[in-house]
Amino acid sequence: MRQNTMAYRRFALCACVASIILCAPVPTATAQTLPLRERIVLAASTVFDGKGHVLHDTRIVIEGSKIVAIYPKAGPVDYDLRGLTVMPGWIDAHVHIGWTFGKDGKNGGPAGTEREAAYQVASNAWVTLMAGFTTIQSLGSPADIPLRNAIADGALPGPRILTSVEPLMGQGEKTGTPDEIRAFVRKQKGAGADVIKIFANYSVRRPEMALSQDQLNAACDEAKKLGLRSLVHAYKDAVRAATLAGCTQVEHGVLATDDDLKLMASKGTLLDPQAGLVWENYLLNKEKFVGTPGYPMSLDGFAGMEQLIPVYREFMRRALKTPGLKIVFGTDALAGSHGRNAEEFIERVRDVGMDPMSAMVSANSLGAEALGMADQVGSIASGLQADIIALDGDPMKDITAVRNVVFVMKGGVVYKNAPRRSPTS
């Protein structure tokens, strides 16, 4: 996708969003501001533990923000989730939470006040949480920092956020020497980055390498020295280069060969591909993207995007056949797709042929592992954060059940407890 141009353009809005998000008035009765109950018991008939196992007829005990026990006879019951499918809150490893449509209806449009821009970003966080995503990784904007901190401090409701702050944009020699790239990585660490985002090339249509092997080696090695993960936007030859550089994860990965995928598996490099939601979102909202920087100047120019959907799906099918390759769940959600992240599950299962449980695990324990948070989130287990959601339906039988999130708890706080369609059993 066209992230290079868009990432630069967003810096103009970063200062205003950062300055307003923490000082904008917030409702005094949000769930996040309410005191945590000392003890909460959830009753469930079907629980996916986040690691591929299913528990039946049990109860989950929460104290404060954490799960403290899974015990069938615990009581009294505070929330009866029997008849629903209960699982850990989902993790989306690749979003752009600050991307919005402006007041003029255009992608990232400048129309509107600073306060309106801040409210739009806060709204993105809210709808993402309501869709069942309790942790996200937002890649590529300093404006993520104040939003991340506001949510963590309880000033705004939203998913737990990890961010890369400013990405390293590959521009060949102009990117800098290996030493200068190391300094850039250290700068992001100092600015509060949780992860380093690197553009090794531009797009699937322009896959020429934008960083040399030495430059990639420097970026990923410096990140590792600082205790940070490195995520590389990579296509074709850049996939192998990122893997050889010891980078943590490849984003997108299309045009990589089967040998490249096998190398990733052998090195433990994670893959974050997409089944098509990002492209379908462009097509659904092409009138809003057309003519904005980095996008086609006419509606006819969007025809090529439709042709890319089967290319992405064929690549994911090959990736799924690669023994030992870990495939995480990342949607590349941006303006128009926030809160619709779960559609990516449907495309992976329905259109690519992914096993439904594997799809769930990719956004639970595997997603937590990818974020370096396996000891905190991603599973229903004692000692982990009480990030728990419930679906009205069974995604093993009908993957579209992921659209029916009726219960959302994050860190022991219930943010959503909607009426269910199916009767309690």
Protein backbone atom coordinates (compact mmCIF):
# COMPACT_ATOMS: atom_id res chain seq x y z
CA MET A 1 0.00 0.00 0.00
CA ARG A 2 0.98 3.64 -0.36
CA GLN A 3 2.40 4.26 3.07
CA ASN A 4 5.55 6.23 2.16
CA THR A 5 3.77 9.34 0.89
CA MET A 6 1.02 9.09 3.45
CA ALA A 7 3.39 8.75 6.39
CA TYR A 8 5.15 11.99 5.53
CA ARG A 9 1.88 13.83 4.98
CA ARG A 10 0.56 12.86 8.38
CA PHE A 11 3.29 14.64 10.28
CA ALA A 12 1.52 17.93 9.55
CA LEU A 13 -1.39 16.76 11.68
CA CYS A 14 0.66 15.10 14.38
CA ALA A 15 1.35 18.19 16.44
CA CYS A 16 -2.29 19.25 16.56
CA VAL A 17 -3.54 15.77 17.43
CA ALA A 18 -0.86 15.34 20.07
CA SER A 19 -1.64 18.69 21.65
CA ILE A 20 -5.38 18.18 21.76
CA ILE A 21 -5.91 14.53 22.60
CA LEU A 22 -4.86 14.82 26.22
CA CYS A 23 -6.57 18.13 26.89
CA ALA A 24 -9.85 17.45 25.07
CA PRO A 25 -12.71 16.95 27.53
CA VAL A 26 -13.75 13.32 28.01
CA PRO A 27 -16.95 11.92 29.50
CA THR A 28 -16.73 11.44 33.24
CA ALA A 29 -18.65 8.16 33.13
CA THR A 30 -16.57 6.14 30.68
CA ALA A 31 -15.98 2.55 31.69
CA GLN A 32 -12.28 3.25 32.04
CA THR A 33 -12.85 5.85 34.76
CA LEU A 34 -15.03 3.60 36.89
CA PRO A 35 -13.32 1.77 39.75
CA LEU A 36 -12.39 -1.85 39.12
CA ARG A 37 -14.50 -4.34 41.02
CA GLU A 38 -12.43 -6.46 43.36
CA ARG A 39 -13.78 -9.73 41.97
CA ILE A 40 -15.76 -10.63 38.85
CA VAL A 41 -16.92 -14.10 37.78
CA LEU A 42 -17.84 -14.93 34.19
CA ALA A 43 -19.85 -18.08 33.45
CA ALA A 44 -19.19 -19.65 30.04
CA SER A 45 -20.25 -22.79 28.23
CA THR A 46 -17.63 -22.50 25.45
CA VAL A 47 -14.20 -20.89 25.93
CA PHE A 48 -11.40 -20.72 23.36
CA ASP A 49 -8.24 -20.41 25.46
CA GLY A 50 -6.33 -18.55 22.73
CA LYS A 51 -3.91 -21.42 22.10
CA GLY A 52 -6.20 -23.67 20.10
CA HIS A 53 -7.94 -25.47 22.96
CA VAL A 54 -11.61 -25.34 23.92
CA LEU A 55 -12.88 -25.34 27.50
CA HIS A 56 -16.47 -26.25 28.34
CA ASP A 57 -18.83 -25.29 31.16
CA THR A 58 -16.43 -23.31 33.29
CA ARG A 59 -16.07 -19.97 35.03
CA ILE A 60 -13.39 -17.31 34.78
CA VAL A 61 -12.48 -15.43 37.95
CA ILE A 62 -11.07 -11.92 37.66
CA GLU A 63 -9.58 -9.77 40.37
CA GLY A 64 -8.58 -6.23 39.46
CA SER A 65 -7.22 -6.31 35.93
CA LYS A 66 -6.15 -9.97 35.83
CA ILE A 67 -7.53 -13.46 35.53
CA VAL A 68 -6.84 -15.29 38.79
CA ALA A 69 -8.59 -18.62 38.27
CA ILE A 70 -10.55 -20.82 35.88
CA TYR A 71 -12.82 -22.84 38.11
CA PRO A 72 -16.18 -24.42 37.15
CA LYS A 73 -17.71 -23.90 40.60
CA ALA A 74 -16.67 -20.28 41.18
CA GLY A 75 -19.42 -17.88 42.17
CA PRO A 76 -21.45 -15.84 42.43
CA VAL A 77 -21.70 -15.21 38.69
CA ASP A 78 -21.58 -11.57 37.62
CA TYR A 79 -21.83 -12.05 33.85
CA ASP A 80 -23.57 -15.07 32.35
CA LEU A 81 -21.94 -15.68 28.96
CA ARG A 82 -23.29 -19.20 28.47
CA GLY A 83 -24.46 -19.81 24.93
CA LEU A 84 -21.77 -17.46 23.59
CA THR A 85 -18.24 -18.18 22.35
CA VAL A 86 -15.79 -16.68 24.84
CA MET A 87 -12.13 -16.03 23.97
CA PRO A 88 -9.25 -13.63 24.63
CA GLY A 89 -9.56 -10.14 23.18
CA TRP A 90 -8.15 -10.02 19.67
CA ILE A 91 -4.79 -8.51 18.75
CA ASP A 92 -4.31 -6.64 15.47
CA ALA A 93 -0.59 -6.43 14.74
CA HIS A 94 -0.85 -3.80 12.00
CA VAL A 95 -3.15 -0.79 12.02
CA HIS A 96 -2.91 2.95 11.43
CA ILE A 97 -5.17 4.20 14.19
CA GLY A 98 -4.70 7.89 13.33
CA TRP A 99 -5.82 7.60 9.70
CA THR A 100 -9.20 9.26 9.18
CA PHE A 101 -11.40 10.84 6.56
CA GLY A 102 -11.36 14.60 7.03
CA LYS A 103 -14.35 16.89 7.31
CA ASP A 104 -14.18 17.29 3.54
CA GLY A 105 -14.65 13.53 3.19
CA LYS A 106 -11.16 12.94 1.84
CA ASN A 107 -8.50 10.61 3.21
CA GLY A 108 -6.59 12.48 5.90
CA GLY A 109 -8.13 15.71 4.66
CA PRO A 110 -7.06 18.90 6.44
CA ALA A 111 -10.59 20.25 6.77
CA GLY A 112 -11.91 20.59 10.30
CA THR A 113 -10.52 21.88 13.57
CA GLU A 114 -7.76 20.35 15.66
CA ARG A 115 -10.36 19.22 18.19
CA GLU A 116 -12.39 17.50 15.47
CA ALA A 117 -9.29 15.67 14.28
CA ALA A 118 -8.55 14.49 17.81
CA TYR A 119 -12.11 13.26 18.30
CA GLN A 120 -11.91 11.30 15.06
CA VAL A 121 -8.78 9.50 16.25
CA ALA A 122 -10.39 8.78 19.64
CA SER A 123 -13.42 7.44 17.76
CA ASN A 124 -11.17 5.09 15.78
CA ALA A 125 -9.87 3.68 19.05
CA TRP A 126 -13.38 3.25 20.45
CA VAL A 127 -14.87 1.39 17.47
CA THR A 128 -11.81 -0.85 17.32
CA LEU A 129 -12.31 -1.81 20.96
CA MET A 130 -16.02 -2.39 20.43
CA ALA A 131 -15.16 -4.75 17.57
CA GLY A 132 -13.31 -6.98 20.04
CA PHE A 133 -9.72 -5.81 19.54
CA THR A 134 -8.22 -5.12 22.95
CA THR A 135 -4.61 -4.70 21.79
CA ILE A 136 -3.33 -3.15 18.56
CA GLN A 137 -0.01 -2.21 17.03
CA SER A 138 -0.19 1.12 15.19
CA LEU A 139 2.63 1.63 12.73
CA GLY A 140 3.86 4.97 11.58
CA SER A 141 2.82 8.19 13.32
CA PRO A 142 4.09 10.26 16.29
CA ALA A 143 0.41 11.15 16.91
CA ASP A 144 -0.04 7.61 18.24
CA ILE A 145 1.96 8.47 21.35
CA PRO A 146 -0.55 10.76 23.10
CA LEU A 147 -3.42 8.44 22.19
CA ARG A 148 -1.51 5.42 23.53
CA ASN A 149 -0.73 7.27 26.75
CA ALA A 150 -4.26 8.65 27.20
CA ILE A 151 -5.74 5.17 26.93
CA ALA A 152 -3.12 3.70 29.24
CA ASP A 153 -3.79 6.45 31.79
CA GLY A 154 -7.55 5.89 31.65
CA ALA A 155 -8.39 9.24 30.07
CA LEU A 156 -9.88 7.60 26.97
CA PRO A 157 -11.41 4.17 26.29
CA GLY A 158 -9.67 2.15 23.62
CA PRO A 159 -7.45 -0.82 22.91
CA ARG A 160 -3.98 -1.15 24.38
CA ILE A 161 -1.67 0.47 21.80
CA LEU A 162 1.90 -0.24 20.77
CA THR A 163 3.41 2.18 18.25
CA SER A 164 6.46 2.65 16.06
CA VAL A 165 6.31 6.47 16.16
CA GLU A 166 8.18 7.58 12.99
CA PRO A 167 9.01 4.90 10.42
CA LEU A 168 12.36 4.51 8.68
CA MET A 169 11.56 5.34 5.06
CA GLY A 170 13.86 3.58 2.61
CA GLN A 171 15.25 6.05 0.07
CA GLY A 172 18.41 4.32 -1.07
CA GLU A 173 21.58 6.19 -0.17
CA LYS A 174 19.50 9.19 0.96
CA THR A 175 18.28 7.08 3.86
CA GLY A 176 21.71 7.46 5.45
CA THR A 177 24.76 5.44 6.33
CA PRO A 178 24.42 2.43 8.63
CA ASP A 179 25.62 4.58 11.54
CA GLU A 180 23.07 7.29 10.73
CA ILE A 181 20.34 4.64 10.55
CA ARG A 182 21.37 3.34 13.96
CA ALA A 183 21.08 6.89 15.30
CA PHE A 184 17.58 7.15 13.79
CA VAL A 185 16.54 3.94 15.55
CA ARG A 186 17.87 5.27 18.85
CA LYS A 187 15.90 8.47 18.27
CA GLN A 188 12.66 6.48 17.94
CA LYS A 189 13.44 4.60 21.14
CA GLY A 190 13.93 7.92 22.89
CA ALA A 191 10.63 9.20 21.50
CA GLY A 192 8.77 6.28 23.09
CA ALA A 193 8.60 3.73 20.29
CA ASP A 194 7.52 0.20 21.21
CA VAL A 195 8.71 -1.19 17.88
CA ILE A 196 10.68 0.00 14.84
CA LYS A 197 8.88 0.15 11.47
CA ILE A 198 11.05 -0.02 8.34
CA PHE A 199 10.13 0.47 4.68
CA ALA A 200 12.52 -1.72 2.67
CA ASN A 201 10.67 -0.94 -0.56
CA TYR A 202 7.61 0.96 -1.74
CA SER A 203 4.77 -1.30 -2.87
CA VAL A 204 3.81 -4.52 -4.59
CA ARG A 205 3.78 -2.58 -7.87
CA ARG A 206 7.15 -0.97 -7.16
CA PRO A 207 9.10 -3.68 -5.32
CA GLU A 208 12.60 -2.38 -6.04
CA MET A 209 14.80 -2.39 -2.95
CA ALA A 210 14.89 1.00 -1.19
CA LEU A 211 17.42 -0.08 1.43
CA SER A 212 20.67 -1.98 1.01
CA GLN A 213 21.42 -5.13 2.96
CA ASP A 214 23.90 -3.17 5.10
CA GLN A 215 21.26 -0.54 5.88
CA LEU A 216 18.71 -3.18 6.85
CA ASN A 217 21.30 -5.00 8.93
CA ALA A 218 22.04 -1.80 10.84
CA ALA A 219 18.39 -0.94 11.49
CA CYS A 220 17.34 -4.36 12.76
CA ASP A 221 20.53 -4.97 14.72
CA GLU A 222 20.24 -1.62 16.50
CA ALA A 223 16.60 -2.30 17.33
CA LYS A 224 17.56 -5.66 18.81
CA LYS A 225 20.31 -4.06 20.90
CA LEU A 226 17.74 -1.62 22.29
CA GLY A 227 15.32 -4.41 23.13
CA LEU A 228 12.91 -3.43 20.36
CA ARG A 229 11.32 -5.52 17.63
CA SER A 230 11.72 -4.55 13.98
CA LEU A 231 8.87 -4.79 11.44
CA VAL A 232 9.73 -4.48 7.76
CA HIS A 233 7.33 -3.41 5.00
CA ALA A 234 8.72 -5.73 2.34
CA TYR A 235 7.91 -7.23 -1.04
CA LYS A 236 9.83 -9.59 -3.32
CA ASP A 237 13.62 -9.46 -2.70
CA ALA A 238 13.19 -7.31 0.40
CA VAL A 239 11.58 -10.27 2.21
CA ARG A 240 14.75 -12.33 2.03
CA ALA A 241 16.91 -9.30 2.84
CA ALA A 242 14.86 -8.53 5.97
CA THR A 243 15.06 -12.16 7.05
CA LEU A 244 18.84 -12.28 6.60
CA ALA A 245 19.12 -9.02 8.55
CA GLY A 246 17.52 -10.68 11.56
CA CYS A 247 14.46 -8.44 11.52
CA THR A 248 11.55 -9.61 13.67
CA GLN A 249 8.63 -9.55 11.24
CA VAL A 250 7.80 -8.99 7.58
CA GLU A 251 4.71 -6.94 6.73
CA HIS A 252 2.81 -7.91 3.55
CA GLY A 253 5.53 -10.09 1.94
CA VAL A 254 3.84 -10.52 -1.46
CA LEU A 255 6.10 -11.71 -4.32
CA ALA A 256 8.36 -13.63 -1.92
CA THR A 257 9.34 -17.05 -3.24
CA ASP A 258 8.66 -20.37 -1.55
CA ASP A 259 12.36 -20.51 -0.66
CA ASP A 260 12.07 -17.08 0.96
CA LEU A 261 9.16 -18.34 3.06
CA LYS A 262 11.10 -21.44 4.09
CA LEU A 263 14.03 -19.22 5.10
CA MET A 264 11.69 -17.11 7.23
CA ALA A 265 10.41 -20.23 8.96
CA SER A 266 13.94 -21.49 9.65
CA LYS A 267 15.02 -18.11 11.07
CA GLY A 268 11.86 -17.62 13.14
CA THR A 269 10.89 -14.49 11.21
CA LEU A 270 7.17 -13.76 11.56
CA LEU A 271 4.93 -12.97 8.59
CA ASP A 272 2.03 -10.50 8.64
CA PRO A 273 0.18 -10.83 5.30
CA GLN A 274 -3.30 -9.58 4.37
CA ALA A 275 -6.14 -11.42 2.66
CA GLY A 276 -7.68 -8.34 1.07
CA LEU A 277 -9.52 -6.11 3.57
CA VAL A 278 -7.13 -3.23 2.97
CA TRP A 279 -7.69 -3.33 -0.80
CA GLU A 280 -11.44 -3.82 -0.51
CA ASN A 281 -11.55 -0.80 1.77
CA TYR A 282 -9.85 1.30 -0.89
CA LEU A 283 -12.44 0.17 -3.43
CA LEU A 284 -15.34 0.75 -1.04
CA ASN A 285 -14.11 4.27 -0.30
CA LYS A 286 -12.41 5.15 -3.57
CA GLU A 287 -14.26 8.46 -3.86
CA LYS A 288 -12.62 9.47 -0.58
CA PHE A 289 -9.12 8.29 -1.51
CA VAL A 290 -9.07 9.48 -5.13
CA GLY A 291 -6.86 12.47 -5.76
CA THR A 292 -5.20 12.41 -2.34
CA PRO A 293 -1.39 12.07 -2.12
CA GLY A 294 -0.22 8.55 -2.93
CA TYR A 295 -3.49 7.46 -4.55
CA PRO A 296 -4.87 7.44 -8.12
CA MET A 297 -5.93 10.78 -9.56
CA SER A 298 -9.02 9.25 -11.19
CA LEU A 299 -11.52 6.55 -10.21
CA ASP A 300 -10.36 4.44 -13.17
CA GLY A 301 -7.00 4.14 -11.46
CA PHE A 302 -8.51 1.95 -8.73
CA ALA A 303 -9.10 -0.95 -11.12
CA GLY A 304 -5.56 -2.17 -10.48
CA MET A 305 -6.29 -2.50 -6.76
CA GLU A 306 -9.07 -4.97 -7.41
CA GLN A 307 -6.64 -7.10 -9.40
CA LEU A 308 -4.30 -7.25 -6.42
CA ILE A 309 -6.78 -9.01 -4.12
CA PRO A 310 -6.31 -12.48 -5.70
CA VAL A 311 -2.53 -11.89 -5.75
CA TYR A 312 -2.51 -11.32 -1.98
CA ARG A 313 -4.73 -14.34 -1.39
CA GLU A 314 -2.61 -16.65 -3.52
CA PHE A 315 0.46 -15.51 -1.58
CA MET A 316 -1.22 -16.27 1.74
CA ARG A 317 -2.19 -19.73 0.53
CA ARG A 318 1.47 -20.44 -0.23
CA ALA A 319 2.51 -19.05 3.13
CA LEU A 320 0.03 -21.30 4.94
CA LYS A 321 1.63 -24.34 3.30
CA THR A 322 5.10 -23.42 4.60
CA PRO A 323 5.95 -25.68 7.56
CA GLY A 324 6.87 -23.79 10.71
CA LEU A 325 6.09 -20.31 9.34
CA LYS A 326 4.29 -18.21 11.95
CA ILE A 327 1.55 -16.06 10.41
CA VAL A 328 0.13 -13.32 12.61
CA PHE A 329 -3.07 -11.32 12.27
CA GLY A 330 -2.64 -7.81 10.90
CA THR A 331 -5.25 -5.92 8.91
CA ASP A 332 -3.47 -2.70 7.88
CA ALA A 333 -6.67 -0.96 9.08
CA LEU A 334 -6.83 2.70 8.11
CA ALA A 335 -9.47 5.29 7.27
CA GLY A 336 -12.68 3.44 6.48
CA SER A 337 -11.78 0.12 8.07
CA HIS A 338 -11.37 0.94 11.76
CA GLY A 339 -13.87 -1.20 13.64
CA ARG A 340 -14.13 -3.54 10.65
CA ASN A 341 -10.86 -5.34 11.43
CA ALA A 342 -12.64 -8.68 11.94
CA GLU A 343 -13.55 -8.81 8.24
CA GLU A 344 -9.96 -9.97 7.70
CA PHE A 345 -10.80 -13.17 9.61
CA ILE A 346 -13.65 -13.86 7.20
CA GLU A 347 -11.46 -13.36 4.15
CA ARG A 348 -8.70 -15.55 5.56
CA VAL A 349 -11.09 -18.42 6.24
CA ARG A 350 -13.62 -18.05 3.44
CA ASP A 351 -11.38 -16.86 0.62
CA VAL A 352 -7.94 -18.25 1.49
CA GLY A 353 -8.89 -21.49 3.23
CA MET A 354 -7.32 -20.85 6.63
CA ASP A 355 -8.50 -23.07 9.46
CA PRO A 356 -10.90 -21.03 11.67
CA MET A 357 -9.15 -21.94 14.92
CA SER A 358 -5.77 -21.04 13.43
CA ALA A 359 -7.25 -17.70 12.43
CA MET A 360 -8.36 -17.10 16.03
CA VAL A 361 -5.00 -18.15 17.46
CA SER A 362 -3.19 -15.82 15.05
CA ALA A 363 -4.96 -12.92 16.77
CA ASN A 364 -4.64 -14.38 20.28
CA SER A 365 -1.58 -16.19 21.64
CA LEU A 366 0.44 -15.95 18.41
CA GLY A 367 -0.35 -12.25 18.15
CA ALA A 368 0.77 -11.79 21.75
CA GLU A 369 3.99 -13.67 21.02
CA ALA A 370 4.62 -11.43 18.01
CA LEU A 371 4.23 -8.32 20.18
CA GLY A 372 6.44 -9.72 22.92
CA MET A 373 3.44 -9.78 25.28
CA ALA A 374 2.73 -13.49 25.68
CA ASP A 375 3.10 -13.14 29.43
CA GLN A 376 0.43 -10.44 29.52
CA VAL A 377 -2.30 -11.01 26.92
CA GLY A 378 -3.51 -13.41 24.23
CA SER A 379 -4.71 -16.33 26.34
CA ILE A 380 -7.35 -17.21 28.93
CA ALA A 381 -5.00 -18.16 31.75
CA SER A 382 -4.37 -17.29 35.37
CA GLY A 383 -2.04 -14.32 35.78
CA LEU A 384 -2.78 -12.72 32.42
CA GLN A 385 -4.72 -9.53 31.76
CA ALA A 386 -8.49 -10.00 31.77
CA ASP A 387 -8.95 -9.15 28.09
CA ILE A 388 -12.01 -11.22 27.24
CA ILE A 389 -14.61 -11.03 24.48
CA ALA A 390 -17.70 -13.07 23.60
CA LEU A 391 -19.29 -13.74 20.21
CA ASP A 392 -22.93 -14.47 19.56
CA GLY A 393 -22.25 -17.49 17.38
CA ASP A 394 -19.56 -20.08 16.75
CA PRO A 395 -16.78 -19.04 14.34
CA MET A 396 -15.78 -22.68 13.91
CA LYS A 397 -19.12 -23.29 12.20
CA ASP A 398 -19.64 -19.86 10.65
CA ILE A 399 -16.70 -17.48 10.52
CA THR A 400 -19.04 -14.50 10.07
CA ALA A 401 -19.79 -14.85 13.81
CA VAL A 402 -16.73 -12.61 14.32
CA ARG A 403 -19.01 -9.72 13.35
CA ASN A 404 -21.19 -10.39 16.40
CA VAL A 405 -19.07 -9.26 19.35
CA VAL A 406 -21.51 -8.76 22.23
CA PHE A 407 -19.17 -8.64 25.22
CA VAL A 408 -15.85 -6.80 25.60
CA MET A 409 -13.71 -6.71 28.72
CA LYS A 410 -10.24 -5.18 28.75
CA GLY A 411 -8.06 -5.27 31.82
CA GLY A 412 -10.98 -6.34 33.99
CA VAL A 413 -13.24 -3.48 32.86
CA VAL A 414 -16.40 -4.28 30.92
CA TYR A 415 -16.85 -1.91 28.00
CA LYS A 416 -19.60 -3.76 26.14
CA ASN A 417 -22.37 -6.11 27.27
CA ALA A 418 -24.89 -6.09 24.45
CA PRO A 419 -28.07 -8.15 24.09
CA ARG A 420 -27.52 -11.49 22.37
CA ARG A 421 -29.53 -12.89 19.51
CA SER A 422 -29.27 -16.55 20.48
CA PRO A 423 -30.92 -17.93 23.64
CA THR A 424 -28.88 -18.82 26.71
CA SER A 425 -28.06 -22.52 26.89
